[in-house]
């Protein structure tokens, strides 16, 4: 089963990700090796931070005017988007 959303004709999507396996961490300030629980807590904090940033960005930019600019395929300087 794929988690991808089916796209319509002429539609495209971009996904950015970075896979990593984290088994251990070190506190930069103290040099102390972090427990798995603390590492998981810090990863959760980071994921929440990024999710909040994305949420704010979408709330700010997901409006008819900005969507129309994206749909036009060019920016305010008439340069092709995505180039």
C-alpha atoms as a PDB file:
ATOM      1  CA  UNK A   1       0.000   0.000   0.000  1.00  0.00           C
ATOM      2  CA  UNK A   2       1.378   3.415  -0.955  1.00  0.00           C
ATOM      3  CA  UNK A   3       0.868   6.554   1.122  1.00  0.00           C
ATOM      4  CA  UNK A   4       1.122   8.714  -1.981  1.00  0.00           C
ATOM      5  CA  UNK A   5      -1.858  10.791  -3.051  1.00  0.00           C
ATOM      6  CA  UNK A   6      -2.869  10.166  -6.670  1.00  0.00           C
ATOM      7  CA  UNK A   7      -2.106  13.188  -8.843  1.00  0.00           C
ATOM      8  CA  UNK A   8      -4.230  14.578 -11.626  1.00  0.00           C
ATOM      9  CA  UNK A   9      -2.992  15.244 -15.148  1.00  0.00           C
ATOM     10  CA  UNK A  10      -0.361  17.979 -15.132  1.00  0.00           C
ATOM     11  CA  UNK A  11       0.029  17.874 -11.339  1.00  0.00           C
ATOM     12  CA  UNK A  12       3.331  17.297  -9.584  1.00  0.00           C
ATOM     13  CA  UNK A  13       4.627  17.165  -6.033  1.00  0.00           C
ATOM     14  CA  UNK A  14       7.907  17.507  -4.203  1.00  0.00           C
ATOM     15  CA  UNK A  15       8.924  15.779  -1.029  1.00  0.00           C
ATOM     16  CA  UNK A  16      11.953  16.579   1.069  1.00  0.00           C
ATOM     17  CA  UNK A  17      13.169  14.087   3.618  1.00  0.00           C
ATOM     18  CA  UNK A  18      16.288  12.796   5.244  1.00  0.00           C
ATOM     19  CA  UNK A  19      16.371   9.261   6.602  1.00  0.00           C
ATOM     20  CA  UNK A  20      18.509   8.552   9.599  1.00  0.00           C
ATOM     21  CA  UNK A  21      18.883   5.961  12.320  1.00  0.00           C
ATOM     22  CA  UNK A  22      19.603   7.501  15.692  1.00  0.00           C
ATOM     23  CA  UNK A  23      20.929   5.184  18.335  1.00  0.00           C
ATOM     24  CA  UNK A  24      22.776   7.582  20.572  1.00  0.00           C
ATOM     25  CA  UNK A  25      23.313  11.261  21.193  1.00  0.00           C
ATOM     26  CA  UNK A  26      25.722  13.476  23.075  1.00  0.00           C
ATOM     27  CA  UNK A  27      24.939  16.718  24.863  1.00  0.00           C
ATOM     28  CA  UNK A  28      27.223  19.259  23.186  1.00  0.00           C
ATOM     29  CA  UNK A  29      27.602  21.331  26.334  1.00  0.00           C
ATOM     30  CA  UNK A  30      28.535  18.596  28.779  1.00  0.00           C
ATOM     31  CA  UNK A  31      29.722  15.757  26.543  1.00  0.00           C
ATOM     32  CA  UNK A  32      27.288  13.473  28.383  1.00  0.00           C
ATOM     33  CA  UNK A  33      25.878  10.539  26.391  1.00  0.00           C
ATOM     34  CA  UNK A  34      22.101  10.856  26.240  1.00  0.00           C
ATOM     35  CA  UNK A  35      19.785   8.041  27.223  1.00  0.00           C
ATOM     36  CA  UNK A  36      17.391   6.702  24.603  1.00  0.00           C
ATOM     37  CA  UNK A  37      14.496   8.357  26.457  1.00  0.00           C
ATOM     38  CA  UNK A  38      16.161  11.789  26.408  1.00  0.00           C
ATOM     39  CA  UNK A  39      17.159  11.336  22.760  1.00  0.00           C
ATOM     40  CA  UNK A  40      13.568  10.427  21.857  1.00  0.00           C
ATOM     41  CA  UNK A  41      12.305  13.464  23.791  1.00  0.00           C
ATOM     42  CA  UNK A  42      14.672  15.802  21.940  1.00  0.00           C
ATOM     43  CA  UNK A  43      13.774  14.310  18.563  1.00  0.00           C
ATOM     44  CA  UNK A  44      10.094  14.784  19.414  1.00  0.00           C
ATOM     45  CA  UNK A  45      10.758  18.402  20.368  1.00  0.00           C
ATOM     46  CA  UNK A  46      12.554  18.987  17.066  1.00  0.00           C
ATOM     47  CA  UNK A  47       9.762  17.340  15.063  1.00  0.00           C
ATOM     48  CA  UNK A  48       7.180  19.492  16.872  1.00  0.00           C
ATOM     49  CA  UNK A  49       9.241  22.611  16.148  1.00  0.00           C
ATOM     50  CA  UNK A  50       9.430  21.826  12.427  1.00  0.00           C
ATOM     51  CA  UNK A  51       5.715  20.955  12.288  1.00  0.00           C
ATOM     52  CA  UNK A  52       4.903  24.299  13.911  1.00  0.00           C
ATOM     53  CA  UNK A  53       7.093  26.147  11.417  1.00  0.00           C
ATOM     54  CA  UNK A  54       5.395  24.396   8.498  1.00  0.00           C
ATOM     55  CA  UNK A  55       1.984  25.153   9.966  1.00  0.00           C
ATOM     56  CA  UNK A  56       2.844  28.851  10.305  1.00  0.00           C
ATOM     57  CA  UNK A  57       4.223  29.000   6.774  1.00  0.00           C
ATOM     58  CA  UNK A  58       1.136  27.354   5.302  1.00  0.00           C
ATOM     59  CA  UNK A  59      -1.183  29.624   7.286  1.00  0.00           C
ATOM     60  CA  UNK A  60       0.713  32.662   5.989  1.00  0.00           C
ATOM     61  CA  UNK A  61       1.079  31.579   2.362  1.00  0.00           C
ATOM     62  CA  UNK A  62      -1.905  29.337   1.605  1.00  0.00           C
ATOM     63  CA  UNK A  63      -4.155  32.065   0.259  1.00  0.00           C
ATOM     64  CA  UNK A  64      -5.696  32.762  -3.150  1.00  0.00           C
ATOM     65  CA  UNK A  65      -3.125  35.402  -4.195  1.00  0.00           C
ATOM     66  CA  UNK A  66      -0.070  33.252  -3.423  1.00  0.00           C
ATOM     67  CA  UNK A  67      -1.645  30.122  -4.901  1.00  0.00           C
ATOM     68  CA  UNK A  68      -2.363  32.098  -8.095  1.00  0.00           C
ATOM     69  CA  UNK A  69       1.314  33.133  -8.272  1.00  0.00           C
ATOM     70  CA  UNK A  70       2.381  29.499  -7.935  1.00  0.00           C
ATOM     71  CA  UNK A  71      -0.149  28.416 -10.537  1.00  0.00           C
ATOM     72  CA  UNK A  72       1.135  31.051 -12.987  1.00  0.00           C
ATOM     73  CA  UNK A  73       4.537  29.357 -13.080  1.00  0.00           C
ATOM     74  CA  UNK A  74       6.529  32.605 -12.830  1.00  0.00           C
ATOM     75  CA  UNK A  75       7.641  34.856  -9.975  1.00  0.00           C
ATOM     76  CA  UNK A  76       7.268  38.644  -9.590  1.00  0.00           C
ATOM     77  CA  UNK A  77      10.376  39.145 -11.783  1.00  0.00           C
ATOM     78  CA  UNK A  78       8.855  36.959 -14.520  1.00  0.00           C
ATOM     79  CA  UNK A  79      11.343  34.143 -13.838  1.00  0.00           C
ATOM     80  CA  UNK A  80      10.120  30.594 -14.251  1.00  0.00           C
ATOM     81  CA  UNK A  81       9.397  28.929 -10.905  1.00  0.00           C
ATOM     82  CA  UNK A  82      11.211  25.739 -10.035  1.00  0.00           C
ATOM     83  CA  UNK A  83      14.171  26.477 -12.285  1.00  0.00           C
END
